[in-house]
Amino acid sequence: MPYQLIKYYFGRVNLIAAEKDKDALLWKGLNSEKVLRVRDYNWGFFEIDKREQDEQQYYFGYLIKFRPSTDEEVAVTETHKLGYEEIQNLVRAKSRFFIHVKSGVIAYHPVGSEIKRKTFCDRFVKLFQTAFDNFFIDAEIQAIEERTKIFDAIKAFEKVRKVSIYLHPSNPRLSRVWEKTDQRLKKLRASKYHEAFEAGSNEVGLEMVNDKEIESKITMADDGYGKADITGLRDGKEKTVSTSDNPIIIMAPPDDEPAESVLEKLIEVFKDIFKRFR
């Protein structure tokens, strides 16, 4: 019987920590027994496993949203009455994910209103940091966008008023487009970098068309190593576009299919992303 495909988004897990062995750090964090409490629900990593595909290592599993304790209506067969029974750790929703270990590229699927895209990234990061008691570790998930889409959006502006860029060093892959920026950040031993340009109120706008440096930094953010927001005028109205607006998406098999089958469907997109880098 044919199954219904579900939507996977692509991003990058960026770990900023003193520990140099990021592979071991990632595995340890995913296998932590700690849970994150957010209001009435707990969050945790479950069914964590690893697989080698095309000589590349992947970690995969689920981000689970569950209620610590809840009363569920049950049928009491002895009396043929309805009653309530306390259920522990009832799963509310689960999001499967796959991470390419060396690059940190992650494919994950949100679950309706229960685990939205932004919620997945937020809970994943906070849970991962909780695994280390938030001690000398910072984690982020940044979207990886289809290249050129952000620049198509910029070209549609009548004028650009503001550009805000946030970056951090790659780990460790490089792209020729933003190699100089990345090497400079590493030489400075900078873990984060912020830059902003803003046109005056009476100006015609920022001239970005031929600025290769800004273009390379936006591309670096586009590749999942930060975020760039560009504000400008379109049809006389102020709009803001971001590198997180159009993440790479693919349709893949649902959760009741084996992880290996899902990864086989995702693998070509992973490879396409790798082609951006040396």
Protein backbone atom coordinates (compact mmCIF):
# COMPACT_ATOMS: atom_id res chain seq x y z
CA MET A 1 0.00 0.00 0.00
CA PRO A 2 1.51 3.36 -1.01
CA TYR A 3 2.45 5.66 1.84
CA GLN A 4 2.05 9.40 2.14
CA LEU A 5 5.30 11.34 1.87
CA ILE A 6 6.24 13.86 4.55
CA LYS A 7 8.25 17.08 4.34
CA TYR A 8 11.90 17.27 5.44
CA TYR A 9 13.74 20.56 5.89
CA PHE A 10 17.51 20.99 5.67
CA GLY A 11 19.69 23.05 7.98
CA ARG A 12 23.03 22.92 9.74
CA VAL A 13 23.77 22.07 13.36
CA ASN A 14 26.56 24.42 14.46
CA LEU A 15 28.36 23.58 17.68
CA ILE A 16 30.53 26.17 19.39
CA ALA A 17 32.49 24.51 22.18
CA ALA A 18 35.95 24.10 23.64
CA GLU A 19 35.84 20.39 22.80
CA LYS A 20 37.62 19.87 19.46
CA ASP A 21 36.18 16.42 18.75
CA LYS A 22 32.79 17.64 17.50
CA ASP A 23 31.80 14.15 16.30
CA ALA A 24 32.11 12.70 19.80
CA LEU A 25 30.44 15.78 21.28
CA LEU A 26 27.46 15.42 18.94
CA TRP A 27 27.07 11.70 19.72
CA LYS A 28 27.31 12.30 23.46
CA GLY A 29 24.73 15.09 23.39
CA LEU A 30 22.24 13.08 21.35
CA ASN A 31 22.57 10.11 23.69
CA SER A 32 22.05 12.09 26.88
CA GLU A 33 19.31 10.81 29.20
CA LYS A 34 18.40 14.35 30.21
CA VAL A 35 15.08 15.89 29.24
CA LEU A 36 13.99 19.48 28.68
CA ARG A 37 10.85 20.66 30.45
CA VAL A 38 8.78 23.31 28.63
CA ARG A 39 5.49 24.09 30.34
CA ASP A 40 3.42 20.87 30.48
CA TYR A 41 5.68 18.79 28.25
CA ASN A 42 9.09 17.15 28.34
CA TRP A 43 11.38 16.91 25.34
CA GLY A 44 14.09 14.32 24.72
CA PHE A 45 16.22 12.52 22.14
CA PHE A 46 15.18 8.90 21.56
CA GLU A 47 16.05 5.95 19.30
CA ILE A 48 19.45 7.45 18.49
CA ASP A 49 21.51 5.34 16.09
CA LYS A 50 24.22 5.70 13.45
CA ARG A 51 24.71 4.49 9.90
CA GLU A 52 27.42 4.72 7.27
CA GLN A 53 26.18 5.57 3.78
CA ASP A 54 28.52 6.09 0.82
CA GLU A 55 31.46 6.18 3.25
CA GLN A 56 29.82 9.01 5.18
CA GLN A 57 28.64 8.79 8.79
CA TYR A 58 25.11 9.81 9.77
CA TYR A 59 23.44 10.01 13.18
CA PHE A 60 19.67 9.77 13.33
CA GLY A 61 16.80 9.48 15.77
CA TYR A 62 13.77 11.36 17.08
CA LEU A 63 13.10 14.56 18.97
CA ILE A 64 10.17 13.50 21.16
CA LYS A 65 7.55 15.71 22.82
CA PHE A 66 5.85 13.85 25.68
CA ARG A 67 3.72 14.54 28.73
CA PRO A 68 5.27 13.30 32.03
CA SER A 69 1.91 12.23 33.45
CA THR A 70 -1.65 12.39 32.17
CA ASP A 71 -5.03 10.82 32.91
CA GLU A 72 -6.52 8.97 29.95
CA GLU A 73 -10.07 7.68 29.67
CA VAL A 74 -10.18 3.86 29.66
CA ALA A 75 -12.79 1.11 29.46
CA VAL A 76 -12.94 -0.90 32.72
CA THR A 77 -13.87 -4.36 31.47
CA GLU A 78 -14.65 -5.75 34.95
CA THR A 79 -17.48 -3.25 35.52
CA HIS A 80 -18.17 -2.13 31.93
CA LYS A 81 -17.81 1.42 33.16
CA LEU A 82 -15.58 4.22 31.96
CA GLY A 83 -12.73 5.35 34.14
CA TYR A 84 -9.40 7.14 34.06
CA GLU A 85 -5.92 5.71 34.26
CA GLU A 86 -2.70 7.60 34.84
CA ILE A 87 -0.31 7.22 31.91
CA GLN A 88 3.36 8.08 32.26
CA ASN A 89 5.43 9.67 29.47
CA LEU A 90 2.70 9.63 26.83
CA VAL A 91 4.19 10.67 23.47
CA ARG A 92 2.48 13.70 21.99
CA ALA A 93 4.59 14.08 18.83
CA LYS A 94 7.92 13.00 17.37
CA SER A 95 10.19 14.48 14.72
CA ARG A 96 12.70 12.25 12.99
CA PHE A 97 16.05 13.75 12.01
CA PHE A 98 19.24 12.73 10.20
CA ILE A 99 22.60 14.47 10.69
CA HIS A 100 25.66 14.18 8.48
CA VAL A 101 28.32 14.04 11.16
CA LYS A 102 31.26 15.79 9.50
CA SER A 103 29.37 18.78 8.14
CA GLY A 104 26.56 19.04 10.69
CA VAL A 105 23.96 19.19 7.89
CA ILE A 106 20.62 18.07 9.33
CA ALA A 107 17.40 16.92 7.67
CA TYR A 108 14.34 17.01 9.92
CA HIS A 109 10.58 17.05 9.60
CA PRO A 110 8.24 19.21 11.66
CA VAL A 111 4.91 17.76 12.85
CA GLY A 112 1.95 20.04 12.16
CA SER A 113 1.21 22.44 14.99
CA GLU A 114 2.81 20.17 17.60
CA ILE A 115 6.43 20.58 16.48
CA LYS A 116 6.73 23.46 14.05
CA ARG A 117 9.94 24.14 12.16
CA LYS A 118 11.05 26.92 14.52
CA THR A 119 10.02 24.84 17.53
CA PHE A 120 12.11 21.88 16.37
CA CYS A 121 15.23 24.04 16.05
CA ASP A 122 14.66 25.75 19.40
CA ARG A 123 13.94 22.56 21.37
CA PHE A 124 16.73 20.60 19.68
CA VAL A 125 19.31 23.25 20.55
CA LYS A 126 18.16 23.79 24.15
CA LEU A 127 17.92 20.05 24.79
CA PHE A 128 21.40 19.50 23.37
CA GLN A 129 22.84 22.24 25.59
CA THR A 130 20.97 20.78 28.58
CA ALA A 131 22.86 17.53 28.00
CA PHE A 132 26.02 19.40 29.03
CA ASP A 133 24.32 21.54 31.68
CA ASN A 134 24.84 24.53 29.33
CA PHE A 135 28.50 24.44 30.32
CA PHE A 136 30.83 26.01 27.74
CA ILE A 137 28.74 24.94 24.78
CA ASP A 138 26.58 26.86 22.36
CA ALA A 139 24.50 25.22 19.64
CA GLU A 140 22.44 26.54 16.74
CA ILE A 141 20.48 25.23 13.80
CA GLN A 142 20.59 27.54 10.79
CA ALA A 143 18.59 26.97 7.62
CA ILE A 144 20.32 26.00 4.37
CA GLU A 145 18.58 27.78 1.52
CA GLU A 146 18.43 27.16 -2.19
CA ARG A 147 21.25 29.29 -3.54
CA THR A 148 20.27 32.33 -5.64
CA LYS A 149 16.79 32.64 -4.06
CA ILE A 150 17.93 35.24 -1.53
CA PHE A 151 19.68 37.19 -4.30
CA ASP A 152 16.60 37.02 -6.53
CA ALA A 153 14.63 38.52 -3.63
CA ILE A 154 17.24 41.27 -3.17
CA LYS A 155 17.16 42.14 -6.88
CA ALA A 156 13.40 42.61 -6.62
CA PHE A 157 13.93 45.52 -4.20
CA GLU A 158 13.66 49.01 -5.62
CA LYS A 159 16.20 50.08 -3.01
CA VAL A 160 17.99 48.32 -0.13
CA ARG A 161 17.85 50.13 3.19
CA LYS A 162 19.50 47.75 5.62
CA VAL A 163 21.68 44.64 5.63
CA SER A 164 22.30 42.68 8.82
CA ILE A 165 24.70 39.72 8.79
CA TYR A 166 25.49 37.19 11.51
CA LEU A 167 28.16 34.53 10.89
CA HIS A 168 30.35 32.02 12.65
CA PRO A 169 33.27 29.92 11.34
CA SER A 170 32.67 26.79 9.29
CA ASN A 171 33.38 23.36 10.70
CA PRO A 172 35.35 22.42 8.69
CA ARG A 173 34.12 22.58 5.08
CA LEU A 174 34.92 25.56 2.89
CA SER A 175 33.35 27.21 -0.12
CA ARG A 176 35.47 29.25 -2.50
CA VAL A 177 32.76 31.92 -2.44
CA TRP A 178 33.28 32.76 1.24
CA GLU A 179 36.68 31.22 1.96
CA LYS A 180 38.40 34.53 2.80
CA THR A 181 35.71 35.52 5.31
CA ASP A 182 35.82 32.12 6.97
CA GLN A 183 39.62 32.09 7.22
CA ARG A 184 39.61 35.58 8.72
CA LEU A 185 37.13 34.54 11.43
CA LYS A 186 39.26 31.52 12.29
CA LYS A 187 42.46 33.58 12.33
CA LEU A 188 40.82 36.00 14.76
CA ARG A 189 39.54 33.03 16.80
CA ALA A 190 36.10 34.58 16.59
CA SER A 191 33.17 32.33 17.44
CA LYS A 192 30.56 34.85 16.22
CA TYR A 193 30.53 37.82 13.89
CA HIS A 194 27.94 40.58 13.42
CA GLU A 195 27.84 43.28 10.77
CA ALA A 196 25.17 45.77 9.74
CA PHE A 197 24.84 48.43 7.04
CA GLU A 198 22.06 51.00 6.95
CA ALA A 199 21.28 53.71 4.41
CA GLY A 200 20.32 57.18 5.56
CA SER A 201 16.67 58.17 5.37
CA ASN A 202 17.28 60.46 2.38
CA GLU A 203 19.59 58.13 0.49
CA VAL A 204 18.75 56.16 -2.63
CA GLY A 205 19.67 52.99 -0.79
CA LEU A 206 22.68 50.74 -0.34
CA GLU A 207 24.65 49.81 -3.45
CA MET A 208 25.05 46.04 -3.20
CA VAL A 209 25.06 44.90 -6.80
CA ASN A 210 28.83 44.82 -7.25
CA ASP A 211 29.89 44.29 -3.63
CA LYS A 212 31.48 40.84 -3.70
CA GLU A 213 32.36 40.91 0.00
CA ILE A 214 28.76 41.37 1.14
CA GLU A 215 27.63 38.82 -1.45
CA SER A 216 30.10 36.24 -0.11
CA LYS A 217 28.96 36.80 3.48
CA ILE A 218 25.29 36.43 2.55
CA THR A 219 26.18 33.22 0.70
CA MET A 220 27.99 31.91 3.78
CA ALA A 221 24.86 32.55 5.83
CA ASP A 222 22.82 30.94 3.04
CA ASP A 223 24.95 27.80 3.40
CA GLY A 224 23.96 27.46 7.05
CA TYR A 225 26.80 29.26 8.80
CA GLY A 226 24.74 32.16 10.08
CA LYS A 227 21.88 34.39 9.03
CA ALA A 228 21.43 37.47 6.85
CA ASP A 229 18.44 39.84 6.84
CA ILE A 230 17.97 42.39 4.08
CA THR A 231 15.38 45.16 4.34
CA GLY A 232 14.29 47.23 1.36
CA LEU A 233 11.42 48.69 -0.63
CA ARG A 234 9.28 46.60 -2.93
CA ASP A 235 6.24 48.12 -4.63
CA GLY A 236 6.67 51.09 -2.34
CA LYS A 237 6.41 49.01 0.84
CA GLU A 238 9.16 48.02 3.25
CA LYS A 239 9.94 44.29 3.22
CA THR A 240 12.55 42.11 4.91
CA VAL A 241 13.95 38.94 3.37
CA SER A 242 16.11 36.44 5.21
CA THR A 243 18.36 33.51 4.41
CA SER A 244 15.99 31.42 6.54
CA ASP A 245 12.96 32.17 4.36
CA ASN A 246 13.39 29.43 1.74
CA PRO A 247 15.09 26.36 3.23
CA ILE A 248 15.82 23.32 1.07
CA ILE A 249 12.88 20.90 1.32
CA ILE A 250 12.30 17.34 0.10
CA MET A 251 9.44 14.86 0.43
CA ALA A 252 10.47 11.55 2.04
CA PRO A 253 8.91 8.37 3.51
CA PRO A 254 7.01 8.63 6.83
CA ASP A 255 8.15 7.50 10.29
CA ASP A 256 6.82 3.96 10.02
CA GLU A 257 9.35 3.28 7.27
CA PRO A 258 12.86 2.09 8.26
CA ALA A 259 15.42 4.83 8.82
CA GLU A 260 17.59 3.36 6.06
CA SER A 261 14.78 3.83 3.52
CA VAL A 262 14.29 7.45 4.54
CA LEU A 263 18.02 8.19 4.39
CA GLU A 264 18.24 6.72 0.89
CA LYS A 265 15.62 9.25 -0.21
CA LEU A 266 17.42 12.14 1.52
CA ILE A 267 20.94 11.22 0.44
CA GLU A 268 20.87 12.95 -2.96
CA VAL A 269 19.96 16.27 -1.34
CA PHE A 270 22.78 15.82 1.19
CA LYS A 271 25.16 15.26 -1.74
CA ASP A 272 23.89 18.33 -3.58
CA ILE A 273 24.61 20.42 -0.49
CA PHE A 274 28.11 18.93 -0.17
CA LYS A 275 28.88 20.05 -3.74
CA ARG A 276 28.80 23.65 -2.54
CA PHE A 277 31.97 22.99 -0.54
CA ARG A 278 35.48 21.81 -1.16
